[in-house]
Amino acid sequence: QVQLVESGGGLVQAGGTLRLSCVVSGRTFNPYVLGWFRQAPGKEREFVAAITWIGGATINSDHAKGRFTISRDYAKNTMYLQMSSLKPGDTAVYYCAAESAYSTVIPTTDHEYDFWGQGTQVTVSS
């Protein structure tokens, strides 16, 4: 059984920082890639960033570049999303996702990920 558990969300003022964590568990689960997505009220879920589990290669969405940093701690089975210079437009539920199948290109759409966490709410006040 694969489990992804996010934490670290909360309420922060514009310009502030938050660090989200995603702990991956599952005795025989070896993900190829982990990703962060977010979904604001009334909007579709959108890609934020992703990282390959072994190699650590990353890809960021345009809205994350320069403000968000994705990383992982292989020994702790944990992925992180360090968010800075937060804006009210970043308010959303943030989801951790994982995919075990190898791909030559890091996936950036939600249908390419098979495993999902329950989400953590991030609210940025103006």
Foldseek 3Di string as FASTA:
>chain_A
DKAWAKDWADEEAQQAKIKMKIAIDDPPDDFQKKFKWWDDPPGDIFGAKMAGLPPGDIDGDPVNPPFWDWGADNVRNMIMIIGGSDDQVVWTWMKMFTHRDDDPDPDGDPVRTDDIHPTDTHGYHD
